[in-house]
Amino acid sequence: MLQTFAISSSLSLSKIFGGSYTPTSGTILYDVWTVTIAQVGPILPYLLLVLVLIFRPTGLFGTRDT
């Protein structure tokens, strides 16, 4: 669901913050600033997996007590 929502969205950081800050063109910050959520959508499941492994290394349900 997260990936489908991201691909259907056309928001970017510049649209979210209303254009209150605009980095200079041609810099790395400008490239990151203009990336849309739809462009990041395909890697979102992998980012979510990494976050789960960082915060819950034993899994979502933990280990079984014997």
N, C-alpha and C. Protein backbone atom coordinates (compact mmCIF):
# COMPACT_ATOMS: atom_id res chain seq x y z
N MET A 1 0.83 -1.19 0.00
CA MET A 1 0.00 0.00 0.00
C MET A 1 0.87 1.25 0.00
N LEU A 2 1.98 1.20 0.75
CA LEU A 2 2.86 2.36 0.82
C LEU A 2 3.45 2.69 -0.54
N GLN A 3 3.89 1.67 -1.26
CA GLN A 3 4.47 1.88 -2.58
C GLN A 3 3.42 2.39 -3.57
N THR A 4 2.24 1.85 -3.54
CA THR A 4 1.18 2.29 -4.45
C THR A 4 0.80 3.74 -4.18
N PHE A 5 0.70 4.12 -2.92
CA PHE A 5 0.41 5.51 -2.58
C PHE A 5 1.53 6.43 -3.05
N ALA A 6 2.77 6.00 -2.87
CA ALA A 6 3.90 6.84 -3.25
C ALA A 6 3.95 7.04 -4.76
N ILE A 7 3.67 6.00 -5.52
CA ILE A 7 3.74 6.12 -6.98
C ILE A 7 2.62 7.01 -7.50
N SER A 8 1.48 7.00 -6.85
CA SER A 8 0.37 7.83 -7.31
C SER A 8 0.50 9.28 -6.86
N SER A 9 1.45 9.57 -6.02
CA SER A 9 1.64 10.92 -5.50
C SER A 9 2.68 11.67 -6.33
N SER A 10 2.51 12.95 -6.47
CA SER A 10 3.47 13.76 -7.22
C SER A 10 4.08 14.85 -6.35
N LEU A 11 4.14 14.61 -5.06
CA LEU A 11 4.70 15.60 -4.14
C LEU A 11 6.22 15.53 -4.14
N SER A 12 6.85 16.64 -3.86
CA SER A 12 8.28 16.70 -3.64
C SER A 12 8.52 17.55 -2.40
N LEU A 13 9.76 17.59 -1.93
CA LEU A 13 10.05 18.40 -0.75
C LEU A 13 9.73 19.87 -0.99
N SER A 14 9.99 20.34 -2.20
CA SER A 14 9.72 21.75 -2.48
C SER A 14 8.22 22.05 -2.44
N LYS A 15 7.38 21.10 -2.86
CA LYS A 15 5.93 21.31 -2.79
C LYS A 15 5.40 21.16 -1.37
N ILE A 16 6.01 20.26 -0.59
CA ILE A 16 5.56 20.05 0.78
C ILE A 16 5.82 21.28 1.63
N PHE A 17 7.00 21.88 1.48
CA PHE A 17 7.35 23.05 2.29
C PHE A 17 6.93 24.36 1.64
N GLY A 18 6.22 24.30 0.55
CA GLY A 18 5.64 25.49 -0.05
C GLY A 18 6.62 26.42 -0.73
N GLY A 19 7.78 25.95 -1.08
CA GLY A 19 8.74 26.79 -1.78
C GLY A 19 9.35 27.86 -0.92
N SER A 20 9.34 27.68 0.40
CA SER A 20 9.91 28.69 1.28
C SER A 20 11.43 28.73 1.18
N TYR A 21 12.03 27.64 0.72
CA TYR A 21 13.49 27.59 0.54
C TYR A 21 13.76 26.97 -0.81
N THR A 22 14.62 27.60 -1.59
CA THR A 22 14.98 27.07 -2.90
C THR A 22 16.50 27.05 -3.02
N PRO A 23 17.11 25.84 -3.04
CA PRO A 23 18.56 25.78 -3.21
C PRO A 23 18.95 26.15 -4.64
N THR A 24 20.21 26.48 -4.84
CA THR A 24 20.66 26.89 -6.16
C THR A 24 20.67 25.70 -7.11
N SER A 25 20.36 25.97 -8.35
CA SER A 25 20.28 24.93 -9.37
C SER A 25 21.66 24.36 -9.67
N GLY A 26 21.72 23.04 -9.90
CA GLY A 26 22.98 22.39 -10.23
C GLY A 26 23.70 21.79 -9.04
N THR A 27 23.18 21.96 -7.84
CA THR A 27 23.81 21.38 -6.65
C THR A 27 23.11 20.09 -6.28
N ILE A 28 23.76 19.30 -5.44
CA ILE A 28 23.18 18.03 -5.00
C ILE A 28 21.91 18.28 -4.19
N LEU A 29 21.92 19.32 -3.36
CA LEU A 29 20.75 19.64 -2.55
C LEU A 29 19.55 19.98 -3.43
N TYR A 30 19.79 20.64 -4.54
CA TYR A 30 18.70 20.96 -5.47
C TYR A 30 18.11 19.69 -6.07
N ASP A 31 18.99 18.72 -6.40
CA ASP A 31 18.50 17.46 -6.97
C ASP A 31 17.65 16.70 -5.96
N VAL A 32 18.06 16.66 -4.71
CA VAL A 32 17.28 15.99 -3.66
C VAL A 32 15.99 16.76 -3.41
N TRP A 33 16.04 18.06 -3.47
CA TRP A 33 14.89 18.92 -3.19
C TRP A 33 13.79 18.72 -4.21
N THR A 34 14.15 18.36 -5.45
CA THR A 34 13.16 18.24 -6.52
C THR A 34 12.74 16.81 -6.80
N VAL A 35 13.27 15.83 -6.10
CA VAL A 35 12.87 14.43 -6.29
C VAL A 35 11.44 14.25 -5.78
N THR A 36 10.60 13.62 -6.59
CA THR A 36 9.22 13.39 -6.18
C THR A 36 9.11 12.07 -5.42
N ILE A 37 8.03 11.93 -4.69
CA ILE A 37 7.79 10.69 -3.94
C ILE A 37 7.58 9.53 -4.90
N ALA A 38 7.02 9.80 -6.08
CA ALA A 38 6.82 8.74 -7.08
C ALA A 38 8.15 8.17 -7.57
N GLN A 39 9.19 9.00 -7.61
CA GLN A 39 10.50 8.52 -8.03
C GLN A 39 11.15 7.67 -6.95
N VAL A 40 10.82 7.89 -5.69
CA VAL A 40 11.39 7.14 -4.58
C VAL A 40 10.53 5.92 -4.26
N GLY A 41 9.33 5.85 -4.80
CA GLY A 41 8.37 4.79 -4.51
C GLY A 41 8.89 3.37 -4.62
N PRO A 42 9.62 3.02 -5.68
CA PRO A 42 10.07 1.63 -5.81
C PRO A 42 11.05 1.17 -4.72
N ILE A 43 11.74 2.08 -4.06
CA ILE A 43 12.68 1.65 -3.02
C ILE A 43 12.08 1.74 -1.61
N LEU A 44 10.86 2.23 -1.49
CA LEU A 44 10.23 2.36 -0.17
C LEU A 44 10.07 1.03 0.57
N PRO A 45 9.68 -0.08 -0.07
CA PRO A 45 9.59 -1.34 0.68
C PRO A 45 10.94 -1.77 1.27
N TYR A 46 12.01 -1.53 0.54
CA TYR A 46 13.34 -1.89 1.04
C TYR A 46 13.76 -0.98 2.19
N LEU A 47 13.43 0.30 2.10
CA LEU A 47 13.72 1.22 3.20
C LEU A 47 12.94 0.84 4.45
N LEU A 48 11.69 0.43 4.27
CA LEU A 48 10.87 -0.01 5.39
C LEU A 48 11.45 -1.27 6.02
N LEU A 49 11.94 -2.20 5.19
CA LEU A 49 12.58 -3.41 5.69
C LEU A 49 13.82 -3.08 6.50
N VAL A 50 14.63 -2.17 6.04
CA VAL A 50 15.84 -1.77 6.77
C VAL A 50 15.47 -1.12 8.10
N LEU A 51 14.45 -0.28 8.11
CA LEU A 51 14.02 0.35 9.36
C LEU A 51 13.52 -0.68 10.37
N VAL A 52 12.78 -1.68 9.91
CA VAL A 52 12.31 -2.73 10.81
C VAL A 52 13.50 -3.51 11.37
N LEU A 53 14.47 -3.81 10.53
CA LEU A 53 15.64 -4.55 11.00
C LEU A 53 16.51 -3.74 11.95
N ILE A 54 16.51 -2.43 11.79
CA ILE A 54 17.28 -1.58 12.71
C ILE A 54 16.61 -1.52 14.08
N PHE A 55 15.30 -1.29 14.09
CA PHE A 55 14.60 -1.09 15.35
C PHE A 55 14.10 -2.38 15.99
N ARG A 56 13.88 -3.43 15.20
CA ARG A 56 13.42 -4.71 15.72
C ARG A 56 14.25 -5.84 15.11
N PRO A 57 15.52 -5.98 15.49
CA PRO A 57 16.37 -6.99 14.86
C PRO A 57 15.91 -8.43 15.09
N THR A 58 15.11 -8.69 16.10
CA THR A 58 14.61 -10.04 16.34
C THR A 58 13.31 -10.30 15.57
N GLY A 59 12.83 -9.34 14.81
CA GLY A 59 11.60 -9.50 14.05
C GLY A 59 10.46 -8.73 14.69
N LEU A 60 9.34 -8.75 14.04
CA LEU A 60 8.19 -8.00 14.55
C LEU A 60 7.60 -8.63 15.80
N PHE A 61 7.68 -9.96 15.90
CA PHE A 61 7.08 -10.65 17.03
C PHE A 61 8.10 -11.09 18.07
N GLY A 62 9.39 -10.85 17.84
CA GLY A 62 10.41 -11.24 18.80
C GLY A 62 10.75 -12.71 18.71
N THR A 63 11.40 -13.22 19.76
CA THR A 63 11.79 -14.63 19.75
C THR A 63 10.83 -15.43 20.60
N ARG A 64 10.79 -16.73 20.34
CA ARG A 64 9.90 -17.63 21.08
C ARG A 64 10.59 -18.05 22.37
N ASP A 65 9.89 -17.92 23.47
CA ASP A 65 10.41 -18.39 24.76
C ASP A 65 10.12 -19.87 24.91
N THR A 66 11.13 -20.66 25.29
CA THR A 66 10.91 -22.10 25.47
C THR A 66 11.01 -22.49 26.92
